C-alpha cells in the first residue's frame, strides 16, 4: 500500500481532456519530466498536472533498517 503526504491542498478541480496542454519540450526535445502529464490554464493560473503513477516510480524510498 502506498500514498502521498502533502503539506496543503488549495483546490481540487475537474479538467476536461481538451483543457490539458502537452508539457513544453526541453532543449533536448524531450518532455520536461516524465511525471508531468501536462499543463492547464485555470482562471488566471497555469497549473501542472502530474502523472502520480510515473512520479511514484521515480521516487526512491530507502529500506527500513
Protein backbone atom coordinates (compact mmCIF):
# COMPACT_ATOMS: atom_id res chain seq x y z
CA UNK A 1 0.00 0.00 0.00
CA UNK A 2 1.28 3.47 -0.81
CA UNK A 3 0.06 7.02 -0.58
CA UNK A 4 1.12 10.65 -0.56
CA UNK A 5 1.58 13.08 2.31
CA UNK A 6 1.25 16.74 1.33
CA UNK A 7 1.61 19.98 3.26
CA UNK A 8 -1.58 21.54 1.90
CA UNK A 9 -4.24 21.32 -0.78
CA UNK A 10 -5.55 24.62 -2.11
CA UNK A 11 -8.10 23.36 -4.68
CA UNK A 12 -9.37 20.21 -6.30
CA UNK A 13 -10.63 20.71 -9.84
CA UNK A 14 -12.00 18.56 -12.64
CA UNK A 15 -10.46 19.10 -16.07
CA UNK A 16 -11.75 18.12 -19.49
CA UNK A 17 -9.16 16.30 -21.59
CA UNK A 18 -9.20 19.09 -24.20
CA UNK A 19 -8.15 21.58 -21.49
CA UNK A 20 -4.85 19.75 -20.96
CA UNK A 21 -1.91 21.08 -22.97
CA UNK A 22 1.19 18.95 -23.61
CA UNK A 23 4.25 19.71 -21.49
CA UNK A 24 6.80 22.00 -23.15
CA UNK A 25 9.87 20.36 -24.71
CA UNK A 26 13.31 20.75 -23.20
CA UNK A 27 16.33 21.82 -25.23
CA UNK A 28 16.94 18.10 -25.90
CA UNK A 29 13.42 17.80 -27.37
CA UNK A 30 12.13 15.51 -24.61
CA UNK A 31 9.32 16.39 -22.25
CA UNK A 32 10.34 18.33 -19.15
CA UNK A 33 9.94 15.45 -16.75
CA UNK A 34 8.38 12.03 -17.22
CA UNK A 35 5.82 12.59 -14.47
CA UNK A 36 4.43 15.86 -15.89
CA UNK A 37 1.19 14.91 -17.67
CA UNK A 38 0.57 18.40 -18.99
CA UNK A 39 -0.43 21.98 -18.24
CA UNK A 40 -3.85 23.53 -17.78
CA UNK A 41 -4.99 27.14 -17.56
CA UNK A 42 -7.46 27.61 -14.71
CA UNK A 43 -8.79 31.13 -14.19
CA UNK A 44 -5.64 33.30 -14.36
CA UNK A 45 -3.27 30.50 -13.31
CA UNK A 46 -1.24 27.87 -15.15
CA UNK A 47 -1.15 24.60 -13.22
CA UNK A 48 0.90 21.45 -13.71
CA UNK A 49 -0.98 18.15 -13.94
CA UNK A 50 1.11 15.29 -12.58
CA UNK A 51 1.08 11.62 -13.52
CA UNK A 52 1.19 10.15 -10.00
CA UNK A 53 1.95 6.62 -11.20
CA UNK A 54 5.08 7.83 -13.03
CA UNK A 55 6.02 10.01 -10.06
CA UNK A 56 5.71 7.03 -7.71
CA UNK A 57 8.07 5.05 -9.94
CA UNK A 58 10.60 7.93 -9.82
CA UNK A 59 10.64 8.21 -6.01
CA UNK A 60 13.30 6.13 -4.29
CA UNK A 61 12.43 5.19 -0.72
CA UNK A 62 15.28 3.86 1.43
CA UNK A 63 14.67 0.49 3.04
CA UNK A 64 14.00 0.45 6.77
CA UNK A 65 16.89 -0.81 8.87
